[in-house]
N, C-alpha and C. Protein backbone atom coordinates (compact mmCIF):
# COMPACT_ATOMS: atom_id res chain seq x y z
N MET A 1 113.36 40.29 120.76
CA MET A 1 113.74 41.23 121.08
C MET A 1 114.14 40.78 122.90
N ALA A 2 113.04 39.64 123.61
CA ALA A 2 113.11 39.01 124.41
C ALA A 2 114.77 39.03 125.06
N ILE A 3 115.90 38.46 124.07
CA ILE A 3 116.82 37.76 124.02
C ILE A 3 117.51 39.47 124.04
N PHE A 4 117.24 40.27 123.77
CA PHE A 4 118.27 41.66 123.97
C PHE A 4 117.90 42.44 124.97
N ILE A 5 116.30 42.06 125.61
CA ILE A 5 116.55 42.59 127.20
C ILE A 5 116.84 41.58 127.69
N ASN A 6 117.04 40.48 127.74
CA ASN A 6 117.50 39.28 128.63
C ASN A 6 119.33 39.91 128.67
N PHE A 7 119.89 40.13 127.70
CA PHE A 7 120.88 40.63 127.32
C PHE A 7 121.24 41.81 128.01
N VAL A 8 120.76 42.95 127.90
CA VAL A 8 121.01 43.98 128.77
C VAL A 8 121.23 44.10 130.12
N ILE A 9 120.14 43.68 130.47
CA ILE A 9 119.83 42.96 131.66
C ILE A 9 121.05 42.24 132.09
N SER A 10 121.56 41.45 131.40
CA SER A 10 122.56 40.75 132.24
C SER A 10 123.82 41.22 132.34
N LEU A 11 124.37 42.15 131.43
CA LEU A 11 125.05 42.70 131.27
C LEU A 11 125.33 44.19 132.07
N ILE A 12 123.83 44.73 132.71
CA ILE A 12 123.74 45.35 133.43
C ILE A 12 124.37 45.06 135.25
N MET A 13 123.92 43.70 135.46
CA MET A 13 124.25 43.17 136.35
C MET A 13 125.44 42.43 136.17
N ALA A 14 126.05 42.50 135.55
CA ALA A 14 127.42 41.99 135.65
C ALA A 14 128.05 43.27 135.90
N LEU A 15 128.07 44.28 135.05
CA LEU A 15 129.00 45.35 135.53
C LEU A 15 128.62 46.21 137.33
N TRP A 16 127.41 45.56 137.70
CA TRP A 16 127.29 45.67 138.96
C TRP A 16 128.18 44.90 140.00
N PHE A 17 127.68 43.63 139.39
CA PHE A 17 128.72 42.39 140.62
C PHE A 17 130.39 43.19 139.86
N GLY A 18 131.08 43.33 139.01
CA GLY A 18 132.21 43.78 139.04
C GLY A 18 132.34 44.84 139.60
N THR A 19 131.78 45.84 139.60
CA THR A 19 131.88 47.06 140.83
C THR A 19 132.12 46.78 141.99
N LEU A 20 131.38 45.67 142.50
CA LEU A 20 131.28 45.34 143.94
C LEU A 20 132.57 44.59 143.40
N ALA A 21 133.25 43.80 143.22
CA ALA A 21 134.55 43.16 142.97
C ALA A 21 136.05 44.21 143.30
N VAL A 22 135.80 45.10 142.68
CA VAL A 22 136.47 46.32 142.80
C VAL A 22 136.67 46.78 143.91
N PHE A 23 135.24 47.11 144.44
CA PHE A 23 135.17 47.64 145.81
C PHE A 23 135.62 47.30 147.02
N ALA A 24 135.14 45.35 146.81
CA ALA A 24 135.51 44.96 148.25
C ALA A 24 137.21 44.54 148.16
N ILE A 25 137.76 44.78 147.11
CA ILE A 25 139.04 44.15 146.97
C ILE A 25 139.34 45.87 147.56
N GLN A 26 139.55 47.15 147.44
CA GLN A 26 140.11 48.19 148.17
C GLN A 26 139.18 48.24 149.48
N ASN A 27 138.25 47.96 149.62
CA ASN A 27 137.58 48.49 151.05
C ASN A 27 137.73 47.08 152.13
N VAL A 28 139.02 46.80 152.48
CA VAL A 28 139.01 45.88 153.84
C VAL A 28 139.22 45.89 155.29
N THR A 29 138.92 47.32 155.36
CA THR A 29 138.82 47.72 156.88
C THR A 29 137.49 46.97 158.12
N PRO A 30 138.37 46.19 158.49
CA PRO A 30 137.31 46.03 159.57
C PRO A 30 136.42 46.42 160.45
N THR A 31 134.81 46.31 160.37
CA THR A 31 133.91 47.24 160.87
C THR A 31 132.68 46.19 161.65
N ALA A 32 132.19 46.75 162.63
CA ALA A 32 131.13 46.16 163.17
C ALA A 32 129.59 46.92 162.98
N LEU A 33 128.56 46.28 162.69
CA LEU A 33 127.45 46.49 162.44
C LEU A 33 126.76 46.84 163.54
N ARG A 34 126.21 47.76 163.73
CA ARG A 34 125.60 48.33 165.34
C ARG A 34 124.30 48.53 165.23
N PHE A 35 123.44 48.27 165.58
CA PHE A 35 121.62 48.50 166.04
C PHE A 35 121.09 48.05 167.06
N THR A 36 120.65 49.50 167.73
CA THR A 36 120.27 49.81 169.41
C THR A 36 121.34 48.58 170.04
N PHE A 37 121.07 47.55 170.60
CA PHE A 37 121.51 47.06 171.43
C PHE A 37 122.33 45.85 170.99
N TRP A 38 122.56 45.26 169.61
CA TRP A 38 122.96 44.25 169.21
C TRP A 38 124.49 44.75 168.00
N GLU A 39 125.44 44.07 168.34
CA GLU A 39 126.07 44.41 167.38
C GLU A 39 127.19 43.56 166.51
N SER A 40 126.87 43.14 165.66
CA SER A 40 127.83 42.01 164.49
C SER A 40 129.15 41.86 164.86
N ILE A 41 129.57 40.84 164.71
CA ILE A 41 131.19 40.63 164.52
C ILE A 41 131.99 41.59 163.79
N GLN A 42 133.30 41.72 163.52
CA GLN A 42 134.22 42.42 163.37
C GLN A 42 134.18 41.65 161.75
N LEU A 43 133.56 42.61 159.89
CA LEU A 43 133.60 42.15 158.99
C LEU A 43 133.97 43.57 158.12
N PRO A 44 135.06 43.15 157.43
CA PRO A 44 135.21 44.32 156.55
C PRO A 44 133.84 45.01 155.89
N ILE A 45 134.07 46.50 155.21
CA ILE A 45 133.04 47.47 154.89
C ILE A 45 132.29 46.75 153.69
N SER A 46 133.06 45.73 152.86
CA SER A 46 132.26 45.64 151.48
C SER A 46 131.99 44.61 151.65
N ILE A 47 131.84 43.42 152.64
CA ILE A 47 131.07 41.95 152.61
C ILE A 47 129.75 42.62 153.38
N LEU A 48 129.64 43.76 154.38
CA LEU A 48 128.97 43.91 154.59
C LEU A 48 127.96 44.65 153.48
N LEU A 49 128.82 45.44 152.38
CA LEU A 49 127.64 46.30 151.55
C LEU A 49 127.38 45.55 150.63
N ILE A 50 127.91 44.16 150.15
CA ILE A 50 127.46 43.00 149.35
C ILE A 50 126.75 42.39 149.94
N PHE A 51 126.56 42.10 151.24
CA PHE A 51 125.65 41.49 151.40
C PHE A 51 123.85 42.41 151.55
N CYS A 52 124.07 43.37 152.03
CA CYS A 52 123.52 44.26 151.68
C CYS A 52 122.91 44.47 150.39
N PHE A 53 123.57 44.38 149.59
CA PHE A 53 122.96 44.58 147.78
C PHE A 53 122.09 43.26 147.44
N GLY A 54 122.56 42.05 148.62
CA GLY A 54 122.00 40.89 147.74
C GLY A 54 120.82 40.92 148.71
N VAL A 55 120.94 40.81 149.74
CA VAL A 55 119.23 41.20 150.28
C VAL A 55 118.48 42.06 149.31
N GLY A 56 118.50 43.35 148.88
CA GLY A 56 118.06 44.37 148.28
C GLY A 56 117.26 43.71 147.06
N LEU A 57 118.61 42.69 145.94
CA LEU A 57 117.71 42.14 145.15
C LEU A 57 116.98 41.25 145.35
N VAL A 58 117.33 40.23 146.47
CA VAL A 58 116.25 39.38 146.94
C VAL A 58 114.53 39.92 147.28
N LEU A 59 114.71 41.24 147.86
CA LEU A 59 114.06 41.88 148.02
C LEU A 59 113.18 42.29 146.84
N GLY A 60 113.91 42.95 146.09
CA GLY A 60 113.49 44.06 145.12
C GLY A 60 112.78 42.51 143.90
N ALA A 61 113.27 41.77 143.90
CA ALA A 61 112.54 40.64 143.06
C ALA A 61 111.11 39.87 143.60
N LEU A 62 111.29 39.93 144.90
CA LEU A 62 109.57 39.44 145.74
C LEU A 62 108.67 40.29 145.77
N MET A 63 108.98 41.67 145.90
CA MET A 63 108.24 42.76 146.27
C MET A 63 107.18 42.42 145.20
N PRO A 64 107.43 42.62 144.10
CA PRO A 64 106.10 42.38 142.96
C PRO A 64 104.92 41.61 143.15
N ILE A 65 105.67 40.39 143.23
CA ILE A 65 104.89 39.37 143.50
C ILE A 65 104.03 39.72 144.66
N LEU A 66 104.38 39.65 145.69
CA LEU A 66 103.65 39.87 147.38
C LEU A 66 103.14 40.78 146.87
N TRP A 67 103.06 42.14 146.41
CA TRP A 67 102.07 43.07 145.77
C TRP A 67 101.39 42.47 145.18
N GLN A 68 101.43 41.79 143.87
CA GLN A 68 100.22 41.94 143.50
C GLN A 68 99.20 40.71 144.33
N ARG A 69 100.01 39.96 145.15
CA ARG A 69 98.87 39.38 145.48
C ARG A 69 97.79 39.81 146.60
N SER A 70 98.70 41.15 147.63
CA SER A 70 97.55 41.91 147.90
C SER A 70 96.87 42.60 147.68
N GLN A 71 97.07 43.10 146.21
CA GLN A 71 96.24 43.87 145.60
C GLN A 71 94.74 42.78 144.82
N LYS A 72 95.49 41.63 144.82
CA LYS A 72 94.23 40.82 144.54
C LYS A 72 92.93 40.44 145.83
N ARG A 73 93.26 40.36 147.03
CA ARG A 73 92.67 39.89 147.92
C ARG A 73 91.66 41.23 148.11
N ARG A 74 92.14 42.92 147.77
CA ARG A 74 91.27 43.99 148.27
C ARG A 74 90.60 44.50 147.61
N PRO A 75 89.18 44.03 148.05
CA PRO A 75 88.27 44.67 146.70
C PRO A 75 88.35 46.06 146.21
N ARG A 76 88.26 46.64 145.03
CA ARG A 76 88.29 47.67 144.37
C ARG A 76 86.75 48.09 144.83
N LEU A 77 86.77 49.61 145.10
CA LEU A 77 85.00 50.44 145.08
C LEU A 77 84.80 49.94 143.30
N GLU A 78 85.00 50.32 142.02
CA GLU A 78 84.20 49.77 141.41
C GLU A 78 83.71 48.30 141.24
N ASP A 79 84.15 47.32 141.65
CA ASP A 79 83.58 46.08 141.92
C ASP A 79 82.16 45.77 142.44
N PHE A 80 82.26 47.43 143.01
CA PHE A 80 80.68 47.01 144.02
C PHE A 80 79.50 48.11 143.30
N ASP A 81 78.71 47.42 143.39
CA ASP A 81 77.61 48.55 143.02
C ASP A 81 76.73 49.47 143.93
N GLU A 82 76.01 49.91 143.10
CA GLU A 82 75.27 51.06 144.19
C GLU A 82 74.30 50.66 144.52
N PHE A 83 73.74 49.53 144.99
CA PHE A 83 72.98 48.58 145.84
C PHE A 83 73.57 48.35 146.83
N ASP A 84 74.99 47.84 146.82
CA ASP A 84 75.69 47.13 147.72
C ASP A 84 75.20 48.21 149.11
N PHE A 85 75.28 49.10 148.84
CA PHE A 85 75.75 50.24 150.07
C PHE A 85 74.39 50.13 150.79
N GLU A 86 73.34 50.28 150.33
CA GLU A 86 72.32 50.63 151.07
C GLU A 86 72.00 49.78 152.19
N ALA A 87 71.12 50.22 153.03
CA ALA A 87 71.05 49.76 154.84
C ALA A 87 69.79 49.03 155.07
């Protein structure tokens, strides 16, 4: 079963990368990314979108790990006895 799941995930990723490749070939118009006072160099739209997609993949892979770490540190209300709250 794990082999099938890995195959499906690989197939989905391959389709995404194929779609990005076709998109990159068709969109070569140079543009600059602007944010407040900062402006990037002129790059094709497809390169900017592929970069954002890659950053999203990495952050999406790291978020569950960071989420689990933050939940381990935080004590839950069920962990306390009723006697822990007496003054």
